[in-house]
N, C-alpha and C. Protein backbone atom coordinates (compact mmCIF):
# COMPACT_ATOMS: atom_id res chain seq x y z
N MET A 1 -11.36 55.94 54.50
CA MET A 1 -12.81 55.39 55.09
C MET A 1 -13.73 56.62 54.04
N PRO A 2 -14.50 55.01 53.31
CA PRO A 2 -15.44 55.44 52.38
C PRO A 2 -16.62 56.14 52.60
N GLN A 3 -17.01 57.31 51.76
CA GLN A 3 -18.35 58.31 51.90
C GLN A 3 -19.14 57.41 51.52
N GLU A 4 -20.02 57.52 52.68
CA GLU A 4 -21.48 57.13 52.26
C GLU A 4 -22.38 58.17 51.78
N LYS A 5 -22.91 57.21 50.84
CA LYS A 5 -24.28 58.22 50.02
C LYS A 5 -25.16 58.32 50.80
N ALA A 6 -25.33 59.75 50.75
CA ALA A 6 -26.92 60.36 51.74
C ALA A 6 -28.29 59.47 51.42
N PRO A 7 -28.91 59.51 51.88
CA PRO A 7 -30.35 58.87 51.34
C PRO A 7 -31.03 60.05 50.36
N THR A 8 -31.55 59.19 49.52
CA THR A 8 -32.72 59.97 49.01
C THR A 8 -34.31 59.67 49.34
N PHE A 9 -34.46 60.55 49.35
CA PHE A 9 -36.12 60.88 49.41
C PHE A 9 -37.11 61.31 48.39
N LEU A 10 -38.12 60.91 48.45
CA LEU A 10 -39.23 60.87 47.90
C LEU A 10 -40.44 61.77 48.11
N THR A 11 -41.14 62.43 47.25
CA THR A 11 -42.31 62.87 47.68
C THR A 11 -43.96 61.71 47.62
N VAL A 12 -44.85 62.27 48.04
CA VAL A 12 -45.73 60.93 47.98
C VAL A 12 -46.34 61.10 46.40
N ALA A 13 -46.40 62.35 45.88
CA ALA A 13 -46.32 62.11 45.00
C ALA A 13 -45.21 61.21 43.76
N GLU A 14 -44.38 61.33 43.87
CA GLU A 14 -42.91 60.99 43.25
C GLU A 14 -43.24 59.11 43.56
N VAL A 15 -43.50 58.65 44.67
CA VAL A 15 -43.98 57.23 45.06
C VAL A 15 -45.28 56.74 44.41
N ALA A 16 -46.23 57.82 44.61
CA ALA A 16 -47.34 57.26 43.78
C ALA A 16 -46.85 57.13 41.88
N ASP A 17 -46.30 57.73 41.49
CA ASP A 17 -45.98 57.43 40.38
C ASP A 17 -45.20 56.22 40.32
N MET A 18 -44.48 55.97 41.33
CA MET A 18 -43.42 55.08 41.09
C MET A 18 -44.19 53.23 41.02
N MET A 19 -45.13 53.50 42.06
CA MET A 19 -45.87 52.59 42.33
C MET A 19 -47.58 52.34 41.62
N ARG A 20 -47.48 53.51 40.81
CA ARG A 20 -48.75 53.57 39.62
C ARG A 20 -49.98 53.09 40.79
N VAL A 21 -49.96 53.98 41.32
CA VAL A 21 -50.95 54.35 42.80
C VAL A 21 -51.26 55.60 42.93
N SER A 22 -52.52 55.54 43.51
CA SER A 22 -52.65 56.97 43.94
C SER A 22 -52.27 57.64 44.78
N LYS A 23 -52.15 59.18 45.04
CA LYS A 23 -51.26 59.35 46.34
C LYS A 23 -52.28 59.33 47.28
N MET A 24 -53.45 58.94 47.29
CA MET A 24 -54.40 58.88 48.99
C MET A 24 -53.84 57.23 49.47
N THR A 25 -53.31 56.21 48.20
CA THR A 25 -53.09 54.48 48.34
C THR A 25 -51.72 55.20 48.97
N VAL A 26 -50.37 55.89 48.76
CA VAL A 26 -49.44 55.89 49.24
C VAL A 26 -49.81 56.43 51.01
N TYR A 27 -50.71 57.95 51.10
CA TYR A 27 -50.99 58.01 52.33
C TYR A 27 -51.46 57.24 53.45
N ARG A 28 -52.38 56.21 52.69
CA ARG A 28 -52.48 54.82 53.21
C ARG A 28 -51.68 53.96 53.90
N MET A 29 -50.85 53.68 52.73
CA MET A 29 -49.79 53.20 53.49
C MET A 29 -48.78 53.26 54.48
N VAL A 30 -48.28 54.82 54.11
CA VAL A 30 -47.40 55.50 55.13
C VAL A 30 -48.39 55.18 56.79
N HIS A 31 -49.56 55.97 56.54
CA HIS A 31 -50.57 55.72 58.04
C HIS A 31 -50.37 54.51 58.40
N ALA A 32 -50.82 53.40 57.57
CA ALA A 32 -50.96 51.85 58.48
C ALA A 32 -49.62 51.27 58.42
N GLY A 33 -48.19 52.14 58.54
CA GLY A 33 -47.05 51.70 58.65
C GLY A 33 -46.03 50.76 57.75
N ASP A 34 -46.94 50.25 56.57
CA ASP A 34 -46.28 49.80 55.99
C ASP A 34 -45.34 50.38 54.88
N LEU A 35 -45.47 51.88 54.82
CA LEU A 35 -44.27 52.31 53.98
C LEU A 35 -43.62 53.20 54.84
N PRO A 36 -42.44 53.35 55.41
CA PRO A 36 -41.60 54.15 56.75
C PRO A 36 -41.90 55.62 55.51
N ALA A 37 -41.96 56.33 56.73
CA ALA A 37 -41.93 58.36 56.08
C ALA A 37 -41.74 58.64 56.96
N MET A 38 -41.10 60.08 56.80
CA MET A 38 -40.48 60.88 57.64
C MET A 38 -41.48 62.17 57.48
N ARG A 39 -42.13 62.91 58.32
CA ARG A 39 -42.66 63.77 57.81
C ARG A 39 -42.12 65.13 57.63
N VAL A 40 -42.20 66.34 57.26
CA VAL A 40 -41.38 67.01 56.85
C VAL A 40 -42.32 68.13 56.83
N GLY A 41 -42.08 69.45 57.75
CA GLY A 41 -43.51 70.76 58.02
C GLY A 41 -44.77 69.53 57.92
N ARG A 42 -45.50 69.79 56.85
CA ARG A 42 -47.17 69.02 56.84
C ARG A 42 -46.82 68.37 55.49
N SER A 43 -45.80 67.88 54.81
CA SER A 43 -45.75 66.91 54.23
C SER A 43 -45.09 65.55 55.01
N PHE A 44 -45.04 64.56 53.95
CA PHE A 44 -44.01 63.57 54.30
C PHE A 44 -43.11 63.07 53.10
N ARG A 45 -42.23 62.75 53.28
CA ARG A 45 -40.50 62.16 52.76
C ARG A 45 -40.47 60.52 52.77
N VAL A 46 -40.46 59.86 51.61
CA VAL A 46 -40.62 58.57 51.94
C VAL A 46 -39.50 58.35 51.47
N PRO A 47 -37.87 57.28 51.80
CA PRO A 47 -36.79 57.24 51.60
C PRO A 47 -36.46 56.13 50.27
N GLU A 48 -36.28 56.58 49.30
CA GLU A 48 -36.50 55.92 48.05
C GLU A 48 -35.98 54.14 48.14
N ARG A 49 -34.55 54.11 49.36
CA ARG A 49 -34.57 52.85 49.57
C ARG A 49 -35.74 51.70 50.14
N ALA A 50 -36.58 52.76 50.98
CA ALA A 50 -38.00 51.89 51.31
C ALA A 50 -38.90 51.01 50.41
N VAL A 51 -39.24 52.06 49.34
CA VAL A 51 -39.86 52.27 48.08
C VAL A 51 -39.35 51.11 47.52
N GLU A 52 -38.47 50.75 46.88
CA GLU A 52 -37.32 49.63 46.27
C GLU A 52 -37.50 48.19 47.25
N GLN A 53 -37.40 48.29 48.47
CA GLN A 53 -37.56 47.22 49.33
C GLN A 53 -38.95 46.90 49.12
N PHE A 54 -40.29 47.61 49.12
CA PHE A 54 -41.33 47.54 49.38
C PHE A 54 -41.59 46.85 48.22
N LEU A 55 -41.32 47.18 47.19
CA LEU A 55 -41.63 46.61 45.75
C LEU A 55 -40.82 45.65 45.48
N ALA A 56 -39.63 45.26 46.04
CA ALA A 56 -39.21 44.10 45.93
C ALA A 56 -39.75 42.95 46.63
N ALA A 57 -39.94 43.35 47.93
CA ALA A 57 -40.29 41.87 48.16
C ALA A 57 -42.37 41.53 47.98
N GLY A 58 -43.17 42.71 47.27
CA GLY A 58 -44.31 42.39 46.41
C GLY A 58 -43.65 41.23 45.74
N LEU A 59 -42.76 41.55 44.63
CA LEU A 59 -42.66 40.51 43.72
C LEU A 59 -42.08 39.55 43.71
N GLY A 60 -41.08 39.18 45.41
CA GLY A 60 -41.11 37.91 45.65
C GLY A 60 -41.83 37.21 46.18
N ASP A 61 -43.07 38.24 46.48
CA ASP A 61 -44.64 36.87 46.94
C ASP A 61 -44.98 36.67 45.77
N TRP A 62 -44.84 37.65 44.64
CA TRP A 62 -45.34 36.85 43.27
C TRP A 62 -44.77 35.93 42.66
N GLU A 63 -43.75 35.59 42.98
CA GLU A 63 -42.81 35.10 42.09
C GLU A 63 -43.19 33.59 42.98
N THR A 64 -43.00 33.66 44.17
CA THR A 64 -43.20 32.04 44.98
C THR A 64 -45.15 31.83 44.79
N GLU A 65 -45.43 32.59 44.61
CA GLU A 65 -47.21 32.06 44.63
C GLU A 65 -47.43 31.41 43.19
N GLY A 66 -46.36 31.44 42.39
CA GLY A 66 -46.60 31.06 41.18
C GLY A 66 -47.15 31.69 40.08
N LEU A 67 -47.22 33.01 40.18
CA LEU A 67 -47.94 33.84 39.54
C LEU A 67 -47.18 34.43 38.34
N ALA A 68 -45.72 34.68 38.50
CA ALA A 68 -45.01 34.55 37.59
C ALA A 68 -45.33 33.89 36.37
N SER A 69 -45.28 34.59 34.95
CA SER A 69 -45.08 33.67 33.62
C SER A 69 -43.60 33.28 33.65
N THR A 70 -43.99 31.79 33.25
CA THR A 70 -42.96 30.82 33.13
C THR A 70 -42.35 31.42 31.62
N GLY A 71 -42.96 31.89 30.54
CA GLY A 71 -42.65 31.69 29.49
C GLY A 71 -42.46 30.93 28.46
N SER A 72 -43.82 30.16 28.83
CA SER A 72 -43.87 28.75 27.80
C SER A 72 -44.79 29.08 26.88
């Protein structure tokens, strides 16, 4: 039976760096339910996979709206 890899969690500051937004923006996204997170004491931890999925979904919208460069 293959052993599953434990999920990686990121701090709000790490998510903000990845997304190039402020920490307050990440807190707003968490409180709005746009980005799942779990509370650890007084801090939030966001699953890395959730951030990757959020960014991938945003890129999908960007490409389908015809905003991606065509290279020509």
